[in-house]
N, C-alpha and C. Protein backbone atom coordinates (compact mmCIF):
# COMPACT_ATOMS: atom_id res chain seq x y z
N UNK A 1 0.79 -1.19 0.01
CA UNK A 1 -0.03 -0.27 -0.05
C UNK A 1 0.63 1.46 0.10
N UNK A 2 2.20 1.39 0.37
CA UNK A 2 3.16 2.50 0.31
C UNK A 2 3.27 2.84 -1.26
N UNK A 3 2.98 2.19 -2.18
CA UNK A 3 3.03 2.60 -3.55
C UNK A 3 1.86 3.33 -4.11
N UNK A 4 0.82 3.21 -3.27
CA UNK A 4 -0.41 3.61 -3.57
C UNK A 4 -0.34 5.36 -3.78
N UNK A 5 -1.14 5.63 -4.64
CA UNK A 5 -0.96 7.14 -5.26
C UNK A 5 -1.34 8.03 -3.84
N UNK A 6 -2.44 7.46 -3.14
CA UNK A 6 -2.89 8.30 -2.19
C UNK A 6 -1.87 8.81 -1.20
N UNK A 7 -1.36 7.55 -0.69
CA UNK A 7 -0.32 7.51 0.56
C UNK A 7 0.97 8.28 0.29
N UNK A 8 1.02 8.29 -1.48
CA UNK A 8 2.59 9.11 -1.72
C UNK A 8 2.10 10.52 -1.64
N UNK A 9 0.83 10.90 -2.05
CA UNK A 9 0.59 12.10 -2.06
C UNK A 9 0.55 12.69 -0.67
N UNK A 10 0.16 11.88 0.15
CA UNK A 10 -0.43 12.13 1.52
C UNK A 10 1.33 12.64 2.00
N UNK A 11 2.22 11.78 1.88
CA UNK A 11 3.63 11.75 2.23
C UNK A 11 4.11 13.09 1.74
N UNK A 12 4.20 13.39 0.47
CA UNK A 12 4.35 14.83 -0.04
C UNK A 12 3.92 16.00 0.57
N UNK A 13 2.83 16.04 0.74
CA UNK A 13 2.02 17.12 1.46
C UNK A 13 2.29 17.09 2.76
N UNK A 14 2.70 16.11 3.43
CA UNK A 14 3.22 16.17 5.14
C UNK A 14 4.79 16.61 5.15
N UNK A 15 5.25 16.39 3.86
CA UNK A 15 6.85 16.53 3.89
C UNK A 15 7.54 15.52 4.66
N UNK A 16 6.92 14.18 4.87
CA UNK A 16 7.36 13.34 5.50
C UNK A 16 8.83 12.27 4.71
N UNK A 17 9.77 12.44 5.34
CA UNK A 17 10.78 11.66 4.30
C UNK A 17 10.57 9.94 4.16
N UNK A 18 9.96 9.35 5.13
CA UNK A 18 10.03 8.09 5.21
C UNK A 18 8.51 7.46 4.80
N UNK A 19 8.08 6.73 4.00
CA UNK A 19 6.97 6.20 3.69
C UNK A 19 6.40 5.31 4.84
N UNK A 20 4.96 5.44 4.64
CA UNK A 20 4.49 4.82 5.56
C UNK A 20 4.26 3.54 6.37
N UNK A 21 4.72 2.46 5.25
CA UNK A 21 5.16 1.35 5.88
C UNK A 21 6.43 1.30 6.88
N UNK A 22 7.20 2.77 6.71
CA UNK A 22 8.02 2.57 7.73
C UNK A 22 7.85 2.97 9.32
N UNK A 23 6.32 3.56 9.33
CA UNK A 23 5.79 3.58 10.65
C UNK A 23 5.16 2.67 11.35
N UNK A 24 4.77 1.67 10.50
CA UNK A 24 4.14 0.35 10.88
C UNK A 24 4.95 -0.59 11.69
N UNK A 25 4.19 -0.94 12.71
CA UNK A 25 4.79 -1.95 13.12
C UNK A 25 4.77 -3.31 12.87
N UNK A 26 6.25 -4.25 12.93
CA UNK A 26 5.87 -5.57 12.52
C UNK A 26 5.80 -6.60 13.02
N UNK A 27 4.90 -7.43 13.13
CA UNK A 27 4.37 -8.46 13.98
C UNK A 27 5.53 -8.82 15.48
N UNK A 28 6.65 -8.99 15.10
CA UNK A 28 7.43 -9.07 16.29
C UNK A 28 7.42 -8.02 17.25
N UNK A 29 7.55 -6.89 16.76
CA UNK A 29 7.40 -5.69 17.52
C UNK A 29 6.12 -5.49 18.46
N UNK A 30 5.21 -5.85 17.50
CA UNK A 30 4.13 -5.91 18.34
C UNK A 30 3.76 -6.60 19.39
N UNK A 31 4.04 -7.69 19.89
CA UNK A 31 4.34 -8.43 20.80
C UNK A 31 5.13 -7.73 21.96
N UNK A 32 5.98 -6.94 21.89
CA UNK A 32 6.46 -6.24 23.01
C UNK A 32 5.55 -5.35 23.29
N UNK A 33 5.02 -4.90 22.70
CA UNK A 33 3.81 -3.87 22.82
C UNK A 33 2.75 -4.38 23.76
N UNK A 34 2.45 -5.41 23.32
CA UNK A 34 1.19 -6.39 23.98
C UNK A 34 1.27 -6.84 25.43
N UNK A 35 2.83 -6.88 25.67
CA UNK A 35 3.15 -6.96 26.77
C UNK A 35 3.25 -5.74 28.08
N UNK A 36 3.30 -4.69 27.17
CA UNK A 36 3.31 -3.67 27.77
C UNK A 36 1.97 -2.93 28.20
N UNK A 37 1.23 -3.38 27.22
CA UNK A 37 -0.46 -2.86 27.29
C UNK A 37 -0.75 -3.85 28.59
N UNK A 38 -0.67 -4.97 28.66
CA UNK A 38 -1.24 -6.01 29.51
C UNK A 38 -0.81 -5.76 30.92
N UNK A 39 0.49 -5.29 31.22
CA UNK A 39 0.91 -4.54 32.44
C UNK A 39 0.36 -3.58 32.82
N UNK A 40 0.14 -2.79 31.84
CA UNK A 40 -0.46 -1.16 32.36
C UNK A 40 -2.10 -1.41 32.72
N UNK A 41 -2.60 -2.45 31.92
CA UNK A 41 -3.97 -2.73 32.46
C UNK A 41 -4.11 -3.29 33.76
N UNK A 42 -3.13 -4.44 34.06
CA UNK A 42 -3.29 -5.15 35.20
C UNK A 42 -2.89 -4.15 36.22
N UNK A 43 -2.24 -3.32 36.22
CA UNK A 43 -1.86 -2.14 37.03
C UNK A 43 -3.35 -1.52 37.75
N UNK A 44 -4.34 -1.07 36.57
CA UNK A 44 -5.55 -0.72 37.01
C UNK A 44 -6.44 -1.60 37.43
N UNK A 45 -6.45 -2.85 37.19
CA UNK A 45 -7.46 -3.92 37.43
C UNK A 45 -7.16 -4.87 38.44
N UNK A 46 -6.50 -4.86 39.20
CA UNK A 46 -5.77 -6.11 40.27
C UNK A 46 -6.88 -6.60 40.88
N UNK A 47 -7.93 -5.81 41.45
CA UNK A 47 -9.09 -6.41 41.98
C UNK A 47 -10.47 -6.33 41.10
N UNK A 48 -10.21 -6.41 39.92
CA UNK A 48 -11.50 -6.20 39.13
C UNK A 48 -11.73 -7.66 38.64
N UNK A 49 -12.89 -7.70 38.19
CA UNK A 49 -13.13 -8.95 37.35
C UNK A 49 -12.41 -9.21 36.15
N UNK A 50 -12.02 -10.54 35.82
CA UNK A 50 -10.94 -10.74 34.81
C UNK A 50 -9.69 -10.53 34.60
N UNK A 51 -9.09 -9.74 36.00
CA UNK A 51 -7.55 -9.54 36.44
C UNK A 51 -7.07 -10.76 36.50
N UNK A 52 -7.41 -11.97 36.47
CA UNK A 52 -7.09 -13.66 36.66
C UNK A 52 -6.55 -13.76 35.10
N UNK A 53 -7.46 -13.66 34.03
CA UNK A 53 -7.26 -13.70 32.73
C UNK A 53 -6.22 -12.78 31.84
N UNK A 54 -6.34 -11.72 32.80
CA UNK A 54 -5.21 -10.92 32.53
C UNK A 54 -3.86 -11.28 32.57
N UNK A 55 -3.60 -11.67 33.91
CA UNK A 55 -2.24 -12.28 34.37
C UNK A 55 -1.84 -13.46 33.71
N UNK A 56 -3.13 -14.27 33.32
CA UNK A 56 -2.91 -15.69 32.12
C UNK A 56 -2.22 -15.25 31.25
N UNK A 57 -2.93 -14.04 30.25
CA UNK A 57 -2.56 -13.60 29.18
C UNK A 57 -0.82 -12.72 29.03
N UNK A 58 -0.64 -12.19 30.14
CA UNK A 58 0.45 -11.71 30.22
C UNK A 58 1.34 -13.20 30.48
N UNK A 59 1.09 -13.94 31.33
CA UNK A 59 2.11 -15.10 31.47
C UNK A 59 2.47 -15.42 30.37
N UNK A 60 1.30 -15.82 29.06
CA UNK A 60 1.48 -16.11 28.11
C UNK A 60 2.12 -15.26 27.02
N UNK A 61 1.94 -14.18 26.91
CA UNK A 61 3.02 -13.37 25.77
C UNK A 61 4.06 -13.59 26.40
N UNK A 62 4.33 -13.31 27.67
CA UNK A 62 5.91 -13.61 28.52
C UNK A 62 6.60 -14.60 27.92
N UNK A 63 6.02 -15.78 27.84
CA UNK A 63 6.41 -17.00 27.40
C UNK A 63 6.48 -16.95 25.76
N UNK A 64 5.84 -16.52 25.34
CA UNK A 64 5.82 -16.12 23.57
C UNK A 64 7.29 -15.26 23.44
N UNK A 65 7.44 -14.31 23.87
CA UNK A 65 8.63 -12.95 24.34
C UNK A 65 9.74 -14.25 24.56
N UNK A 66 9.59 -14.92 25.19
CA UNK A 66 10.83 -15.43 25.78
C UNK A 66 11.42 -16.47 24.52
N UNK A 67 10.29 -17.12 23.79
CA UNK A 67 10.44 -18.13 22.59
C UNK A 67 11.09 -17.39 21.81
N UNK A 68 10.76 -15.88 21.31
CA UNK A 68 11.25 -15.60 20.19
C UNK A 68 12.85 -15.06 20.81
N UNK A 69 12.86 -14.45 21.76
CA UNK A 69 14.33 -14.17 21.62
C UNK A 69 15.62 -15.09 21.61
N UNK A 70 14.74 -16.37 22.34
CA UNK A 70 15.72 -17.47 22.31
C UNK A 70 16.22 -17.77 20.87
N UNK A 71 15.01 -17.78 20.22
CA UNK A 71 15.09 -18.33 18.65
C UNK A 71 16.10 -17.40 18.04
N UNK A 72 16.14 -15.96 18.15
CA UNK A 72 16.71 -14.91 17.56
C UNK A 72 18.19 -15.45 17.73
N UNK A 73 18.47 -15.49 19.07
CA UNK A 73 19.60 -15.72 19.71
C UNK A 73 20.49 -17.21 18.75
N UNK A 74 19.58 -18.13 18.72
CA UNK A 74 20.12 -19.14 18.11
C UNK A 74 20.41 -19.34 16.94
N UNK A 75 19.50 -18.48 15.98
CA UNK A 75 19.74 -18.15 14.53
C UNK A 75 21.08 -17.71 14.28
N UNK A 76 21.66 -17.14 15.45
CA UNK A 76 23.03 -16.55 15.58
C UNK A 76 23.92 -17.39 15.58
N UNK A 77 23.77 -18.41 15.73
CA UNK A 77 25.02 -19.68 16.29
C UNK A 77 25.50 -20.04 14.93
N UNK A 78 26.66 -19.72 14.51
CA UNK A 78 27.43 -20.04 13.57
C UNK A 78 28.91 -21.01 13.66
N UNK A 79 29.12 -21.89 12.75
CA UNK A 79 30.05 -22.90 12.94
C UNK A 79 30.03 -23.89 14.07
N UNK A 80 28.66 -24.14 14.44
CA UNK A 80 28.66 -25.29 15.47
C UNK A 80 28.57 -26.29 14.26
N UNK A 81 29.51 -27.63 14.62
CA UNK A 81 29.57 -28.84 13.39
C UNK A 81 28.23 -29.70 13.39
N UNK A 82 27.93 -29.58 15.15
CA UNK A 82 26.88 -30.62 15.56
C UNK A 82 25.24 -30.27 14.75
N UNK A 83 24.44 -31.24 15.44
CA UNK A 83 23.15 -30.92 15.01
C UNK A 83 22.53 -30.14 16.25
N UNK A 84 22.21 -28.91 16.79
CA UNK A 84 21.73 -28.07 17.63
C UNK A 84 20.56 -28.56 18.34
N UNK A 85 19.81 -29.29 17.09
CA UNK A 85 18.59 -29.70 17.89
C UNK A 85 18.99 -31.23 18.52
N UNK A 86 19.58 -31.51 18.34
CA UNK A 86 20.17 -32.75 19.39
C UNK A 86 20.67 -32.47 20.74
N UNK A 87 20.92 -31.32 21.12
CA UNK A 87 21.26 -30.90 22.03
C UNK A 87 20.32 -31.06 23.55
N UNK A 88 18.85 -31.13 23.05
CA UNK A 88 17.99 -30.88 23.69
C UNK A 88 16.94 -29.65 23.72
N UNK A 89 16.31 -29.17 24.79
CA UNK A 89 15.53 -28.35 24.92
C UNK A 89 16.50 -27.07 25.44
N UNK A 90 16.08 -26.10 24.98
CA UNK A 90 17.05 -24.90 25.37
C UNK A 90 16.27 -24.32 26.88
N UNK A 91 16.86 -24.61 27.82
CA UNK A 91 16.40 -24.38 29.12
C UNK A 91 16.54 -22.49 29.23
N UNK A 92 17.95 -22.39 29.13
CA UNK A 92 18.59 -20.97 29.46
C UNK A 92 19.50 -20.03 28.57
N UNK A 93 19.18 -18.92 28.06
CA UNK A 93 20.60 -18.29 27.47
C UNK A 93 20.83 -16.87 27.96
N UNK A 94 21.67 -16.44 27.47
CA UNK A 94 22.34 -14.87 28.17
C UNK A 94 23.52 -14.53 27.72
N UNK A 95 23.88 -12.95 27.42
CA UNK A 95 25.22 -12.98 27.29
C UNK A 95 26.09 -12.49 28.67
N UNK A 96 27.13 -12.37 28.44
CA UNK A 96 28.01 -12.18 29.68
C UNK A 96 29.31 -11.59 28.81
N UNK A 97 30.25 -10.85 29.99
CA UNK A 97 31.60 -10.35 29.47
C UNK A 97 32.77 -11.36 29.97
N UNK A 98 33.61 -11.67 29.44
CA UNK A 98 34.62 -12.30 29.71
C UNK A 98 36.00 -11.55 29.54
N UNK A 99 36.77 -11.08 30.78
CA UNK A 99 37.91 -10.74 30.70
C UNK A 99 39.19 -11.61 30.97
N UNK A 100 40.27 -11.56 30.32
CA UNK A 100 41.23 -12.27 30.28
C UNK A 100 42.47 -11.56 30.75
N UNK A 101 43.65 -12.31 31.09
CA UNK A 101 44.82 -11.69 31.74
C UNK A 101 45.75 -11.21 30.22
N UNK A 102 45.97 -10.06 30.33
CA UNK A 102 47.01 -9.70 29.41
C UNK A 102 48.35 -10.32 29.39
N UNK A 103 49.01 -10.97 28.31
CA UNK A 103 50.38 -11.64 27.99
C UNK A 103 51.31 -11.40 29.19
N UNK A 104 51.39 -10.09 29.26
CA UNK A 104 52.81 -9.75 30.09
C UNK A 104 52.34 -9.65 31.20
N UNK A 105 50.68 -9.91 31.74
CA UNK A 105 50.20 -9.80 33.36
C UNK A 105 50.25 -8.50 33.58
N UNK A 106 49.54 -8.23 34.95
CA UNK A 106 49.03 -6.77 35.31
C UNK A 106 49.58 -6.36 36.40
N UNK A 107 50.42 -5.51 36.42
CA UNK A 107 50.81 -5.04 37.87
C UNK A 107 50.06 -4.30 38.40
N UNK A 108 49.06 -3.44 37.66
CA UNK A 108 48.21 -2.44 38.68
C UNK A 108 46.92 -2.65 38.11
N UNK A 109 45.65 -2.46 39.30
CA UNK A 109 44.36 -2.82 39.09
C UNK A 109 44.13 -1.62 37.35
N UNK A 110 44.80 -0.32 37.47
CA UNK A 110 44.37 0.91 36.57
C UNK A 110 44.95 -0.04 35.10
N UNK A 111 45.67 -0.99 34.93
CA UNK A 111 46.19 -1.35 33.75
C UNK A 111 45.09 -2.62 33.29
N UNK A 112 44.36 -2.91 34.55
CA UNK A 112 43.23 -4.01 33.90
C UNK A 112 42.01 -3.35 33.51
N UNK A 113 41.85 -2.36 34.01
CA UNK A 113 40.83 -1.75 33.56
C UNK A 113 40.87 -1.05 32.18
N UNK A 114 41.90 -0.91 31.24
CA UNK A 114 42.03 -0.29 30.10
C UNK A 114 41.91 -1.60 29.16
N UNK A 115 41.77 -2.75 29.18
CA UNK A 115 41.34 -3.94 28.40
C UNK A 115 39.72 -3.86 28.80
N UNK A 116 39.24 -4.18 27.51
CA UNK A 116 37.82 -3.99 26.92
C UNK A 116 37.32 -5.38 27.35
N UNK A 117 36.39 -5.74 28.01
CA UNK A 117 35.92 -6.99 28.15
C UNK A 117 35.19 -7.99 27.01
N UNK A 118 35.40 -9.19 26.56
CA UNK A 118 34.69 -9.79 25.43
C UNK A 118 33.93 -10.09 25.66
N UNK A 119 32.50 -10.12 24.98
CA UNK A 119 31.14 -10.22 25.01
C UNK A 119 31.06 -11.72 24.56
N UNK A 120 30.42 -12.65 25.42
CA UNK A 120 29.90 -14.10 24.90
C UNK A 120 28.74 -14.43 25.11
N UNK A 121 28.12 -15.23 24.61
CA UNK A 121 26.70 -15.58 24.97
C UNK A 121 26.59 -17.62 25.31
N UNK A 122 26.04 -17.47 26.12
CA UNK A 122 25.95 -18.82 26.79
C UNK A 122 24.48 -19.33 26.27
N UNK A 123 24.62 -20.79 25.95
CA UNK A 123 23.32 -21.54 25.67
C UNK A 123 23.33 -22.91 26.53
N UNK A 124 22.44 -22.47 27.50
CA UNK A 124 22.42 -23.97 28.63
C UNK A 124 20.82 -24.70 27.97
N UNK A 125 21.61 -26.08 27.02
CA UNK A 125 20.43 -27.01 26.42
C UNK A 125 20.18 -28.18 27.58
N UNK A 126 19.73 -28.96 27.29
CA UNK A 126 19.40 -30.15 28.40
C UNK A 126 20.56 -31.14 28.43
N UNK A 127 21.35 -31.12 27.10
CA UNK A 127 22.60 -32.12 26.97
C UNK A 127 23.82 -31.61 26.95
N UNK A 128 23.81 -30.12 26.80
CA UNK A 128 25.36 -29.33 26.65
C UNK A 128 24.92 -28.01 26.86
N UNK A 129 26.30 -27.58 27.20
CA UNK A 129 26.53 -25.95 27.30
C UNK A 129 27.17 -25.70 26.00
N UNK A 130 26.53 -24.46 25.27
CA UNK A 130 27.28 -24.02 24.16
C UNK A 130 27.78 -22.15 24.38
N UNK A 131 28.59 -21.88 24.19
CA UNK A 131 29.22 -20.57 24.21
C UNK A 131 29.51 -20.29 22.97
N UNK A 132 29.12 -18.61 22.45
CA UNK A 132 29.29 -18.26 21.24
C UNK A 132 29.92 -17.00 21.20
N UNK A 133 30.84 -16.89 20.55
CA UNK A 133 31.67 -15.13 20.40
C UNK A 133 30.55 -14.52 19.82
N UNK A 134 30.45 -13.46 20.23
CA UNK A 134 29.57 -12.11 19.30
C UNK A 134 30.61 -11.83 17.98
N UNK A 135 30.06 -11.65 16.89
CA UNK A 135 31.05 -11.38 15.89
C UNK A 135 30.20 -9.87 15.86
N UNK A 136 31.09 -8.76 15.12
CA UNK A 136 30.98 -7.49 14.70
C UNK A 136 30.39 -7.64 13.48
N UNK A 137 29.93 -6.40 13.14
CA UNK A 137 29.48 -6.36 11.93
C UNK A 137 30.29 -6.72 10.65
N UNK A 138 31.26 -6.54 10.82
CA UNK A 138 32.47 -7.09 9.80
C UNK A 138 32.67 -8.22 9.72
N UNK A 139 32.13 -9.31 10.44
CA UNK A 139 32.24 -10.56 10.37
C UNK A 139 33.24 -11.38 11.35
N UNK A 140 34.19 -10.30 11.97
CA UNK A 140 35.02 -10.71 12.87
C UNK A 140 34.67 -11.14 14.06
């Protein structure tokens, strides 16, 4: 619909640089908004009829968000020679920083502070633990 003459004319009149579809939320982005909406509704509906249904809906949407987030991180796994499906269910995942000692060693705490920690991502599966090095935009 962004190619529709009516929308193009509106874009020109309003002097918007972005097309209409740039302002629309994608389905994955909508899921995060539902969570916020449900939390806000619960804040004002704790003792009202239907509050339990709102709480159940919030638990469901948080489960969906976790599954989407887990999937997004698993998609980024590259270079693993095995079959990830054989590792079992993903139980937990998250990022952490790793600091290593410099080859020459550190004589002072201030020397250690100069080194930027390396980012890693940990995946805890039923049958294994997998560490992933985060790659930068250049693929390094």
